[in-house]
Amino acid sequence: MFAITALFRSDDLNACLLAGCNAYIVKPFGVRDLQARIPVLLGGTGP
């Protein structure tokens, strides 16, 4: 599971992880940021 959020405090991001997300990205983000997260979602290690 992947979260896209506008919340960026460490408590908010920890809540995403506790909810079962294995990755998150904070808005606003660019295409390169999203591309860097895709390997994580597919089970790779990423850049």
C-alpha atoms as a PDB file:
ATOM      1  CA  MET A   1       0.000   0.000   0.000  1.00  0.00           C
ATOM      2  CA  PHE A   2       1.202   3.491  -0.861  1.00  0.00           C
ATOM      3  CA  ALA A   3       0.081   6.780   0.695  1.00  0.00           C
ATOM      4  CA  ILE A   4       0.009  10.143  -1.010  1.00  0.00           C
ATOM      5  CA  THR A   5      -0.431  12.803   1.641  1.00  0.00           C
ATOM      6  CA  ALA A   6      -0.166  16.526   2.269  1.00  0.00           C
ATOM      7  CA  LEU A   7       0.671  15.792   5.902  1.00  0.00           C
ATOM      8  CA  PHE A   8       4.382  15.791   6.552  1.00  0.00           C
ATOM      9  CA  ARG A   9       4.915  15.741  10.322  1.00  0.00           C
ATOM     10  CA  SER A  10       6.719  12.647  11.558  1.00  0.00           C
ATOM     11  CA  ASP A  11       3.616  11.598  13.537  1.00  0.00           C
ATOM     12  CA  ASP A  12       1.512  11.740  10.371  1.00  0.00           C
ATOM     13  CA  LEU A  13       4.022   9.733   8.363  1.00  0.00           C
ATOM     14  CA  ASN A  14       4.355   7.151  11.135  1.00  0.00           C
ATOM     15  CA  ALA A  15       0.563   6.805  11.104  1.00  0.00           C
ATOM     16  CA  CYS A  16       0.760   5.920   7.382  1.00  0.00           C
ATOM     17  CA  LEU A  17       3.307   3.209   8.128  1.00  0.00           C
ATOM     18  CA  LEU A  18       1.301   1.873  11.080  1.00  0.00           C
ATOM     19  CA  ALA A  19      -1.774   1.725   8.836  1.00  0.00           C
ATOM     20  CA  GLY A  20       0.067  -0.736   6.602  1.00  0.00           C
ATOM     21  CA  CYS A  21       1.696   1.478   4.002  1.00  0.00           C
ATOM     22  CA  ASN A  22       5.121   0.382   2.863  1.00  0.00           C
ATOM     23  CA  ALA A  23       5.831   3.756   1.247  1.00  0.00           C
ATOM     24  CA  TYR A  24       4.505   7.282   1.144  1.00  0.00           C
ATOM     25  CA  ILE A  25       5.086  10.476  -0.764  1.00  0.00           C
ATOM     26  CA  VAL A  26       4.290  13.981   0.411  1.00  0.00           C
ATOM     27  CA  LYS A  27       2.447  16.430  -1.834  1.00  0.00           C
ATOM     28  CA  PRO A  28       3.425  18.371  -3.804  1.00  0.00           C
ATOM     29  CA  PHE A  29       5.766  15.985  -5.573  1.00  0.00           C
ATOM     30  CA  GLY A  30       7.313  15.736  -8.995  1.00  0.00           C
ATOM     31  CA  VAL A  31       7.311  12.943 -11.529  1.00  0.00           C
ATOM     32  CA  ARG A  32      10.878  11.986 -10.563  1.00  0.00           C
ATOM     33  CA  ASP A  33       9.843  11.631  -6.924  1.00  0.00           C
ATOM     34  CA  LEU A  34       7.036   9.288  -7.928  1.00  0.00           C
ATOM     35  CA  GLN A  35       9.304   7.310 -10.255  1.00  0.00           C
ATOM     36  CA  ALA A  36      11.752   6.821  -7.393  1.00  0.00           C
ATOM     37  CA  ARG A  37       8.989   5.263  -5.261  1.00  0.00           C
ATOM     38  CA  ILE A  38       7.749   2.786  -7.874  1.00  0.00           C
ATOM     39  CA  PRO A  39      10.534   0.201  -7.259  1.00  0.00           C
ATOM     40  CA  VAL A  40       9.626   0.219  -3.548  1.00  0.00           C
ATOM     41  CA  LEU A  41       6.036  -0.622  -4.402  1.00  0.00           C
ATOM     42  CA  LEU A  42       7.104  -3.386  -6.757  1.00  0.00           C
ATOM     43  CA  GLY A  43       9.322  -4.988  -4.143  1.00  0.00           C
ATOM     44  CA  GLY A  44      12.660  -3.564  -5.209  1.00  0.00           C
ATOM     45  CA  THR A  45      14.944  -1.457  -3.095  1.00  0.00           C
ATOM     46  CA  GLY A  46      14.718   1.748  -5.096  1.00  0.00           C
ATOM     47  CA  PRO A  47      17.524   4.141  -5.888  1.00  0.00           C
END
